[in-house]
PDB file of N, CA and C in Angstrom:
ATOM      1  N   MET A   1      47.755 131.828  41.893  1.00  0.00           N
ATOM      2  CA  MET A   1      49.129 131.206  41.878  1.00  0.00           C
ATOM      3  C   MET A   1      50.101 132.089  42.661  1.00  0.00           C
ATOM      4  N   LYS A   2      49.774 133.439  42.760  1.00  0.00           N
ATOM      5  CA  LYS A   2      50.721 134.308  43.437  1.00  0.00           C
ATOM      6  C   LYS A   2      50.783 134.046  44.897  1.00  0.00           C
ATOM      7  N   GLU A   3      49.694 133.406  45.542  1.00  0.00           N
ATOM      8  CA  GLU A   3      49.731 133.155  46.912  1.00  0.00           C
ATOM      9  C   GLU A   3      50.820 132.105  47.268  1.00  0.00           C
ATOM     10  N   SER A   4      51.081 131.147  46.397  1.00  0.00           N
ATOM     11  CA  SER A   4      52.045 130.076  46.695  1.00  0.00           C
ATOM     12  C   SER A   4      53.472 130.458  46.318  1.00  0.00           C
ATOM     13  N   SER A   5      53.679 131.603  45.668  1.00  0.00           N
ATOM     14  CA  SER A   5      55.008 131.970  45.199  1.00  0.00           C
ATOM     15  C   SER A   5      55.968 132.086  46.359  1.00  0.00           C
ATOM     16  N   PRO A   6      55.594 132.717  47.541  1.00  0.00           N
ATOM     17  CA  PRO A   6      56.606 132.805  48.605  1.00  0.00           C
ATOM     18  C   PRO A   6      56.992 131.425  49.110  1.00  0.00           C
ATOM     19  N   LEU A   7      56.034 130.520  49.156  1.00  0.00           N
ATOM     20  CA  LEU A   7      56.367 129.150  49.627  1.00  0.00           C
ATOM     21  C   LEU A   7      57.347 128.492  48.666  1.00  0.00           C
ATOM     22  N   VAL A   8      57.064 128.614  47.366  1.00  0.00           N
ATOM     23  CA  VAL A   8      58.016 128.017  46.399  1.00  0.00           C
ATOM     24  C   VAL A   8      59.323 128.641  46.450  1.00  0.00           C
ATOM     25  N   TYR A   9      59.383 129.930  46.709  1.00  0.00           N
ATOM     26  CA  TYR A   9      60.680 130.641  46.812  1.00  0.00           C
ATOM     27  C   TYR A   9      61.431 130.134  48.050  1.00  0.00           C
ATOM     28  N   ASN A  10      60.681 129.909  49.217  1.00  0.00           N
ATOM     29  CA  ASN A  10      61.333 129.418  50.365  1.00  0.00           C
ATOM     30  C   ASN A  10      61.881 127.998  50.116  1.00  0.00           C
ATOM     31  N   TRP A  11      61.149 127.139  49.459  1.00  0.00           N
ATOM     32  CA  TRP A  11      61.662 125.752  49.133  1.00  0.00           C
ATOM     33  C   TRP A  11      62.834 125.866  48.222  1.00  0.00           C
ATOM     34  N   GLY A  12      62.807 126.816  47.242  1.00  0.00           N
ATOM     35  CA  GLY A  12      63.947 126.946  46.341  1.00  0.00           C
ATOM     36  C   GLY A  12      65.226 127.379  47.089  1.00  0.00           C
ATOM     37  N   ALA A  13      65.012 128.332  48.011  1.00  0.00           N
ATOM     38  CA  ALA A  13      66.148 128.780  48.826  1.00  0.00           C
ATOM     39  C   ALA A  13      66.647 127.654  49.675  1.00  0.00           C
ATOM     40  N   PHE A  14      65.799 126.904  50.280  1.00  0.00           N
ATOM     41  CA  PHE A  14      66.172 125.766  51.118  1.00  0.00           C
ATOM     42  C   PHE A  14      66.971 124.759  50.349  1.00  0.00           C
ATOM     43  N   TRP A  15      66.493 124.363  49.159  1.00  0.00           N
ATOM     44  CA  TRP A  15      67.210 123.386  48.377  1.00  0.00           C
ATOM     45  C   TRP A  15      68.572 123.950  47.893  1.00  0.00           C
ATOM     46  N   LEU A  16      68.569 125.266  47.595  1.00  0.00           N
ATOM     47  CA  LEU A  16      69.835 125.909  47.169  1.00  0.00           C
ATOM     48  C   LEU A  16      70.885 125.803  48.261  1.00  0.00           C
ATOM     49  N   ILE A  17      70.481 126.153  49.486  1.00  0.00           N
ATOM     50  CA  ILE A  17      71.377 126.108  50.653  1.00  0.00           C
ATOM     51  C   ILE A  17      71.810 124.670  50.939  1.00  0.00           C
ATOM     52  N   ALA A  18      70.868 123.755  50.894  1.00  0.00           N
ATOM     53  CA  ALA A  18      71.136 122.345  51.205  1.00  0.00           C
ATOM     54  C   ALA A  18      72.133 121.835  50.143  1.00  0.00           C
ATOM     55  N   THR A  19      71.910 122.144  48.866  1.00  0.00           N
ATOM     56  CA  THR A  19      72.799 121.656  47.817  1.00  0.00           C
ATOM     57  C   THR A  19      74.223 122.263  47.938  1.00  0.00           C
ATOM     58  N   ASN A  20      74.300 123.521  48.329  1.00  0.00           N
ATOM     59  CA  ASN A  20      75.591 124.179  48.557  1.00  0.00           C
ATOM     60  C   ASN A  20      76.315 123.488  49.712  1.00  0.00           C
ATOM     61  N   LEU A  21      75.622 123.162  50.779  1.00  0.00           N
ATOM     62  CA  LEU A  21      76.224 122.539  51.952  1.00  0.00           C
ATOM     63  C   LEU A  21      76.765 121.119  51.554  1.00  0.00           C
ATOM     64  N   ILE A  22      75.940 120.366  50.822  1.00  0.00           N
ATOM     65  CA  ILE A  22      76.309 119.048  50.432  1.00  0.00           C
ATOM     66  C   ILE A  22      77.484 119.084  49.496  1.00  0.00           C
ATOM     67  N   MET A  23      77.457 120.013  48.488  1.00  0.00           N
ATOM     68  CA  MET A  23      78.566 120.113  47.562  1.00  0.00           C
ATOM     69  C   MET A  23      79.836 120.547  48.292  1.00  0.00           C
ATOM     70  N   GLY A  24      79.705 121.466  49.210  1.00  0.00           N
ATOM     71  CA  GLY A  24      80.935 121.879  49.984  1.00  0.00           C
ATOM     72  C   GLY A  24      81.446 120.768  50.777  1.00  0.00           C
ATOM     73  N   TYR A  25      80.623 119.907  51.370  1.00  0.00           N
ATOM     74  CA  TYR A  25      81.102 118.755  52.108  1.00  0.00           C
ATOM     75  C   TYR A  25      81.853 117.774  51.217  1.00  0.00           C
ATOM     76  N   ILE A  26      81.232 117.485  50.053  1.00  0.00           N
ATOM     77  CA  ILE A  26      81.844 116.572  49.146  1.00  0.00           C
ATOM     78  C   ILE A  26      83.148 117.070  48.600  1.00  0.00           C
ATOM     79  N   VAL A  27      83.202 118.369  48.242  1.00  0.00           N
ATOM     80  CA  VAL A  27      84.457 118.940  47.756  1.00  0.00           C
ATOM     81  C   VAL A  27      85.528 118.897  48.835  1.00  0.00           C
ATOM     82  N   THR A  28      85.193 119.233  50.048  1.00  0.00           N
ATOM     83  CA  THR A  28      86.121 119.164  51.174  1.00  0.00           C
ATOM     84  C   THR A  28      86.645 117.713  51.413  1.00  0.00           C
ATOM     85  N   PHE A  29      85.671 116.750  51.364  1.00  0.00           N
ATOM     86  CA  PHE A  29      86.099 115.352  51.566  1.00  0.00           C
ATOM     87  C   PHE A  29      87.040 114.899  50.486  1.00  0.00           C
ATOM     88  N   TYR A  30      86.682 115.141  49.222  1.00  0.00           N
ATOM     89  CA  TYR A  30      87.550 114.738  48.083  1.00  0.00           C
ATOM     90  C   TYR A  30      88.892 115.436  48.141  1.00  0.00           C
ATOM     91  N   THR A  31      88.824 116.694  48.574  1.00  0.00           N
ATOM     92  CA  THR A  31      90.133 117.453  48.604  1.00  0.00           C
ATOM     93  C   THR A  31      91.036 116.803  49.639  1.00  0.00           C
ATOM     94  N   ASN A  32      90.474 116.426  50.775  1.00  0.00           N
ATOM     95  CA  ASN A  32      91.278 115.784  51.829  1.00  0.00           C
ATOM     96  C   ASN A  32      91.852 114.439  51.332  1.00  0.00           C
ATOM     97  N   GLU A  33      90.977 113.668  50.653  1.00  0.00           N
ATOM     98  CA  GLU A  33      91.377 112.349  50.201  1.00  0.00           C
ATOM     99  C   GLU A  33      92.478 112.553  49.135  1.00  0.00           C
ATOM    100  N   PHE A  34      92.292 113.537  48.264  1.00  0.00           N
ATOM    101  CA  PHE A  34      93.278 113.793  47.178  1.00  0.00           C
ATOM    102  C   PHE A  34      94.602 114.209  47.782  1.00  0.00           C
ATOM    103  N   ALA A  35      94.541 114.987  48.885  1.00  0.00           N
ATOM    104  CA  ALA A  35      95.771 115.431  49.556  1.00  0.00           C
ATOM    105  C   ALA A  35      96.517 114.216  50.142  1.00  0.00           C
ATOM    106  N   LYS A  36      95.709 113.305  50.735  1.00  0.00           N
ATOM    107  CA  LYS A  36      96.329 112.055  51.291  1.00  0.00           C
ATOM    108  C   LYS A  36      97.001 111.260  50.168  1.00  0.00           C
ATOM    109  N   ILE A  37      96.368 111.144  48.981  1.00  0.00           N
ATOM    110  CA  ILE A  37      96.888 110.381  47.904  1.00  0.00           C
ATOM    111  C   ILE A  37      98.182 111.033  47.429  1.00  0.00           C
ATOM    112  N   ARG A  38      98.204 112.340  47.342  1.00  0.00           N
ATOM    113  CA  ARG A  38      99.380 113.068  46.925  1.00  0.00           C
ATOM    114  C   ARG A  38     100.527 112.822  47.869  1.00  0.00           C
ATOM    115  N   VAL A  39     100.219 112.856  49.190  1.00  0.00           N
ATOM    116  CA  VAL A  39     101.209 112.608  50.196  1.00  0.00           C
ATOM    117  C   VAL A  39     101.823 111.192  50.014  1.00  0.00           C
ATOM    118  N   TYR A  40     100.925 110.226  49.711  1.00  0.00           N
ATOM    119  CA  TYR A  40     101.398 108.861  49.553  1.00  0.00           C
ATOM    120  C   TYR A  40     102.316 108.770  48.324  1.00  0.00           C
ATOM    121  N   ILE A  41     101.934 109.433  47.222  1.00  0.00           N
ATOM    122  CA  ILE A  41     102.673 109.420  45.980  1.00  0.00           C
ATOM    123  C   ILE A  41     104.076 110.077  46.220  1.00  0.00           C
ATOM    124  N   ILE A  42     104.020 111.240  46.854  1.00  0.00           N
ATOM    125  CA  ILE A  42     105.304 111.921  47.120  1.00  0.00           C
ATOM    126  C   ILE A  42     106.151 111.082  48.115  1.00  0.00           C
TER     127      ILE A  42
END
């Protein structure tokens, strides 16, 4: 099982980076949309 641990670690790191990128994009998108809504309200 030790032979496959580096591969599992690489997949874990890949999904961690991918999730961070997706979350960052979603947060940025919603922040921009929220800023537009605030401008409309003001």
